[in-house]
Amino acid sequence: MTLSEIRQRKQELGYSNETLANLSGVPLGTVQKVLGGVTKNPRQKTLEALSAALQSKPGSFTYDYPKEKPAMLKETSFAYSAEKRVYTIEDIYALPDDVWAELIDGRLYYIGFPTRTHQKLAGGMYLTVANYIRSKGGKCEVYIPPFGVYLFADDSTYLLPDLIVVCDLSKLEEKGCMGAPDWVVEVLSPSTGSKDMSIKLFKYRKAGVREYWMIDPAKQIVITYDFTGTDEKASIYSFEDAIPSAIYPDLLITPASML
């Protein structure tokens, strides 16, 4: 297949970049670059792997994608590979500037390109929360990716939430937030939703995050967790609801107004 045929076939099948990466064995970062037009002259082996994955039945395909580091990536020490190994914060630092990933329990989770709806919701949340804090003369600060969160104030867990609010300013360094933010917001996507609703929920709770929101554009719902008291409180709202914040009780947010 040509590159244009690969793009068309991927769209016909409804595959995400992550799905195509898993089926083909081609690293997600490489898939994103090739299909996004960043890589102008993809390697023939890469095109063959993607073509084979798109011509096979889901779940029935494996391809021995070459493990050696492509020559075009000589500028970075990070070895793109389909093989499983324990990753470290150094692998995060070695990623190209246009490739984002999170580090959880020695595994890298690549972050795909956000959709327009995702951007509207994340941007709307930032403006709403930041303007509220400013209007109250608050000291807390609001950040969006790629501002990293070293969740346990070490190199074990590195996350890139869609929005964080940090009230303990001593946690803030130029490279990111060293420790748990007070409030974390994630906008869910098909490729990251399960991780945000399970692994990251557990990590945020364990680290001491006080409030966690998961915004689901597909279902038009928001799931909120209030960890401020002795008993955890979980609530589900629609996009039309005026949703209260746990750490700012007089702040009400209606996601539908952001779309």
Protein backbone atom coordinates (compact mmCIF):
# COMPACT_ATOMS: atom_id res chain seq x y z
CA MET A 1 0.00 0.00 0.00
CA THR A 2 1.01 3.58 -0.56
CA LEU A 3 0.95 5.98 2.39
CA SER A 4 -2.31 7.54 1.20
CA GLU A 5 -3.86 4.07 0.87
CA ILE A 6 -2.71 3.22 4.39
CA ARG A 7 -4.37 6.37 5.75
CA GLN A 8 -7.60 5.60 3.86
CA ARG A 9 -7.70 1.95 4.96
CA LYS A 10 -7.04 2.93 8.60
CA GLN A 11 -9.97 5.36 8.45
CA GLU A 12 -12.24 2.72 6.88
CA LEU A 13 -11.46 0.27 9.68
CA GLY A 14 -11.85 2.93 12.36
CA TYR A 15 -8.44 2.13 13.84
CA SER A 16 -6.72 4.54 16.20
CA ASN A 17 -2.97 5.06 15.90
CA GLU A 18 -2.52 2.96 19.04
CA THR A 19 -4.55 0.08 17.58
CA LEU A 20 -2.51 0.14 14.39
CA ALA A 21 0.71 0.23 16.41
CA ASN A 22 -0.37 -2.78 18.45
CA LEU A 23 -1.38 -4.77 15.36
CA SER A 24 1.70 -3.97 13.31
CA GLY A 25 4.41 -3.94 15.97
CA VAL A 26 5.47 -0.50 14.76
CA PRO A 27 6.07 1.82 17.75
CA LEU A 28 3.25 4.30 18.36
CA GLY A 29 5.59 7.28 18.02
CA THR A 30 6.63 6.08 14.57
CA VAL A 31 3.01 5.49 13.50
CA GLN A 32 2.10 9.02 14.60
CA LYS A 33 4.99 10.55 12.69
CA VAL A 34 4.37 8.56 9.50
CA LEU A 35 0.60 9.11 9.35
CA GLY A 36 0.89 12.70 10.55
CA GLY A 37 3.28 13.57 7.73
CA VAL A 38 6.19 14.37 10.05
CA THR A 39 8.29 11.58 8.51
CA LYS A 40 8.46 12.51 4.82
CA ASN A 41 10.14 9.30 3.62
CA PRO A 42 9.06 6.35 5.80
CA ARG A 43 11.16 3.20 5.72
CA GLN A 44 9.86 0.46 3.42
CA LYS A 45 9.78 -1.99 6.34
CA THR A 46 7.48 0.39 8.24
CA LEU A 47 5.07 0.71 5.30
CA GLU A 48 5.05 -3.07 4.83
CA ALA A 49 4.22 -3.63 8.51
CA LEU A 50 1.39 -1.09 8.47
CA SER A 51 0.00 -2.45 5.19
CA ALA A 52 0.04 -6.03 6.44
CA ALA A 53 -1.76 -5.05 9.65
CA LEU A 54 -4.49 -3.23 7.72
CA GLN A 55 -5.03 -6.19 5.38
CA SER A 56 -5.40 -8.74 8.18
CA LYS A 57 -8.23 -9.57 10.54
CA PRO A 58 -7.99 -7.84 13.93
CA GLY A 59 -6.24 -10.01 16.49
CA SER A 60 -4.80 -12.41 13.87
CA PHE A 61 -1.69 -10.52 12.84
CA THR A 62 1.86 -10.37 14.14
CA TYR A 63 4.78 -8.80 12.33
CA ASP A 64 8.40 -9.00 13.27
CA TYR A 65 9.13 -5.29 13.12
CA PRO A 66 12.90 -4.69 13.10
CA LYS A 67 14.27 -4.02 16.56
CA GLU A 68 17.26 -1.98 15.42
CA LYS A 69 17.12 1.77 15.80
CA PRO A 70 16.24 3.50 12.49
CA ALA A 71 18.95 5.72 11.08
CA MET A 72 16.60 8.70 10.94
CA LEU A 73 16.37 8.71 14.76
CA LYS A 74 20.07 9.14 15.43
CA GLU A 75 19.41 12.43 17.17
CA THR A 76 17.92 10.61 20.18
CA SER A 77 19.25 7.88 22.41
CA PHE A 78 15.78 6.35 22.86
CA ALA A 79 15.50 3.01 21.04
CA TYR A 80 12.05 2.60 19.54
CA SER A 81 11.28 -1.07 19.98
CA ALA A 82 8.32 -3.40 20.21
CA GLU A 83 10.07 -5.58 22.78
CA LYS A 84 8.96 -5.36 26.39
CA ARG A 85 11.38 -4.04 28.99
CA VAL A 86 11.42 -1.89 32.09
CA TYR A 87 11.51 1.78 31.14
CA THR A 88 12.83 4.63 33.25
CA ILE A 89 12.57 8.40 33.39
CA GLU A 90 15.63 8.57 31.15
CA ASP A 91 13.55 7.07 28.33
CA ILE A 92 11.04 9.89 28.82
CA TYR A 93 13.81 12.49 28.62
CA ALA A 94 15.17 10.88 25.45
CA LEU A 95 11.90 11.10 23.51
CA PRO A 96 11.74 13.56 20.58
CA ASP A 97 10.04 16.86 21.43
CA ASP A 98 6.96 15.97 19.40
CA VAL A 99 6.40 12.59 21.06
CA TRP A 100 4.73 12.49 24.49
CA ALA A 101 4.51 9.53 26.84
CA GLU A 102 3.78 8.73 30.47
CA LEU A 103 5.77 6.41 32.73
CA ILE A 104 3.86 4.07 35.06
CA ASP A 105 5.37 1.01 36.76
CA GLY A 106 8.24 0.76 34.31
CA ARG A 107 6.01 0.98 31.23
CA LEU A 108 5.69 3.77 28.68
CA TYR A 109 2.21 4.85 27.58
CA TYR A 110 2.33 6.98 24.45
CA ILE A 111 -0.10 9.87 24.10
CA GLY A 112 -1.74 10.37 20.72
CA PHE A 113 -2.80 13.59 19.05
CA PRO A 114 -5.87 15.14 20.75
CA THR A 115 -9.12 15.66 18.87
CA ARG A 116 -10.80 19.03 18.42
CA THR A 117 -13.41 18.15 21.05
CA HIS A 118 -10.69 17.09 23.47
CA GLN A 119 -8.94 20.43 22.99
CA LYS A 120 -12.13 22.43 23.49
CA LEU A 121 -12.90 20.65 26.76
CA ALA A 122 -9.34 20.80 28.10
CA GLY A 123 -8.96 24.44 27.05
CA GLY A 124 -12.34 25.36 28.49
CA MET A 125 -11.45 23.76 31.80
CA TYR A 126 -8.18 25.67 31.93
CA LEU A 127 -9.80 29.04 31.24
CA THR A 128 -12.63 28.43 33.70
CA VAL A 129 -10.44 27.25 36.58
CA ALA A 130 -7.62 29.74 36.00
CA ASN A 131 -10.04 32.68 35.77
CA TYR A 132 -11.82 31.55 38.93
CA ILE A 133 -8.59 31.34 40.92
CA ARG A 134 -7.49 34.73 39.60
CA SER A 135 -10.82 36.32 40.48
CA LYS A 136 -10.50 35.07 44.06
CA GLY A 137 -6.89 36.18 44.40
CA GLY A 138 -5.91 32.57 45.03
CA LYS A 139 -2.34 31.34 45.18
CA CYS A 140 -2.94 28.01 43.41
CA GLU A 141 -1.56 27.59 39.89
CA VAL A 142 -3.03 25.77 36.89
CA TYR A 143 -1.02 23.85 34.28
CA ILE A 144 -1.67 21.89 31.10
CA PRO A 145 0.57 19.42 29.19
CA PRO A 146 3.36 19.05 28.48
CA PHE A 147 3.93 20.10 32.12
CA GLY A 148 4.97 16.83 33.75
CA VAL A 149 3.82 15.45 37.09
CA TYR A 150 6.36 13.40 39.06
CA LEU A 151 3.50 11.97 41.07
CA PHE A 152 5.44 10.58 44.03
CA ALA A 153 8.14 13.27 43.93
CA ASP A 154 10.61 10.81 42.40
CA ASP A 155 11.33 9.26 39.00
CA SER A 156 8.98 6.28 39.33
CA THR A 157 5.78 7.79 37.91
CA TYR A 158 5.69 10.55 35.31
CA LEU A 159 2.28 11.73 34.05
CA LEU A 160 0.91 14.39 31.71
CA PRO A 161 -2.65 15.14 32.88
CA ASP A 162 -4.85 17.39 30.76
CA LEU A 163 -5.08 19.86 33.66
CA ILE A 164 -3.65 20.13 37.16
CA VAL A 165 -4.16 22.59 39.99
CA VAL A 166 -1.28 22.91 42.45
CA CYS A 167 -1.71 24.83 45.70
CA ASP A 168 1.54 23.85 47.43
CA LEU A 169 3.87 25.96 45.29
CA SER A 170 6.94 24.35 46.86
CA LYS A 171 6.19 21.32 44.66
CA LEU A 172 6.70 23.31 41.48
CA GLU A 173 9.98 23.21 39.61
CA GLU A 174 10.88 24.24 36.09
CA LYS A 175 10.66 20.62 34.93
CA GLY A 176 7.26 19.94 36.47
CA CYS A 177 5.29 19.21 39.63
CA MET A 178 7.21 17.17 42.21
CA GLY A 179 4.43 15.38 44.05
CA ALA A 180 0.65 15.15 43.89
CA PRO A 181 -1.36 18.10 42.51
CA ASP A 182 -4.47 19.11 44.43
CA TRP A 183 -6.80 18.66 41.45
CA VAL A 184 -6.32 16.55 38.32
CA VAL A 185 -8.53 16.55 35.22
CA GLU A 186 -8.28 13.98 32.42
CA VAL A 187 -10.28 14.16 29.17
CA LEU A 188 -10.86 10.55 28.17
CA SER A 189 -10.18 9.10 24.72
CA PRO A 190 -10.72 5.57 23.31
CA SER A 191 -6.99 4.86 23.58
CA THR A 192 -6.41 6.21 27.11
CA GLY A 193 -9.80 5.91 28.83
CA SER A 194 -9.23 2.53 30.49
CA LYS A 195 -5.87 3.68 31.86
CA ASP A 196 -7.31 6.94 33.20
CA MET A 197 -10.20 5.10 34.87
CA SER A 198 -8.13 2.37 36.51
CA ILE A 199 -4.36 2.64 36.83
CA LYS A 200 -4.20 6.42 37.06
CA LEU A 201 -7.20 6.60 39.39
CA PHE A 202 -5.38 4.28 41.79
CA LYS A 203 -2.12 6.21 41.49
CA TYR A 204 -3.77 9.61 42.02
CA ARG A 205 -5.62 8.36 45.10
CA LYS A 206 -2.48 6.77 46.54
CA ALA A 207 -0.32 9.84 45.91
CA GLY A 208 -2.69 12.21 47.75
CA VAL A 209 -4.53 14.02 44.95
CA ARG A 210 -7.52 15.73 46.56
CA GLU A 211 -9.86 15.80 43.56
CA TYR A 212 -9.94 13.89 40.27
CA TRP A 213 -12.22 14.49 37.28
CA MET A 214 -12.59 12.24 34.22
CA ILE A 215 -14.41 13.94 31.34
CA ASP A 216 -15.83 11.49 28.79
CA PRO A 217 -16.67 13.26 25.48
CA ALA A 218 -18.16 10.11 23.92
CA LYS A 219 -20.70 9.50 26.69
CA GLN A 220 -21.08 13.19 27.56
CA ILE A 221 -20.52 12.50 31.25
CA VAL A 222 -18.07 13.60 33.93
CA ILE A 223 -16.97 11.26 36.72
CA THR A 224 -15.63 13.08 39.77
CA TYR A 225 -13.77 11.75 42.80
CA ASP A 226 -13.57 13.71 46.04
CA PHE A 227 -10.68 12.53 48.21
CA THR A 228 -10.75 15.51 50.59
CA GLY A 229 -12.61 13.77 53.42
CA THR A 230 -12.19 10.51 55.28
CA ASP A 231 -14.69 8.83 52.91
CA GLU A 232 -14.11 8.82 49.17
CA LYS A 233 -17.01 10.32 47.20
CA ALA A 234 -17.65 9.44 43.56
CA SER A 235 -20.27 11.19 41.43
CA ILE A 236 -21.42 11.08 37.80
CA TYR A 237 -22.75 14.15 35.99
CA SER A 238 -23.96 14.95 32.51
CA PHE A 239 -22.38 17.67 30.38
CA GLU A 240 -25.47 19.81 31.00
CA ASP A 241 -25.02 19.77 34.79
CA ALA A 242 -23.39 22.54 36.80
CA ILE A 243 -20.67 20.42 38.41
CA PRO A 244 -19.25 21.48 41.77
CA SER A 245 -15.58 21.26 42.64
CA ALA A 246 -14.53 19.55 45.86
CA ILE A 247 -11.70 21.98 46.62
CA TYR A 248 -13.61 25.07 45.42
CA PRO A 249 -17.24 24.55 46.61
CA ASP A 250 -18.53 27.75 44.99
CA LEU A 251 -17.07 26.89 41.58
CA LEU A 252 -19.63 25.31 39.23
CA ILE A 253 -18.59 24.08 35.79
CA THR A 254 -20.92 23.15 32.91
CA PRO A 255 -18.93 21.24 30.24
CA ALA A 256 -21.64 21.71 27.59
CA SER A 257 -20.84 25.43 27.56
CA MET A 258 -17.33 24.63 26.31
CA LEU A 259 -18.47 22.83 23.14
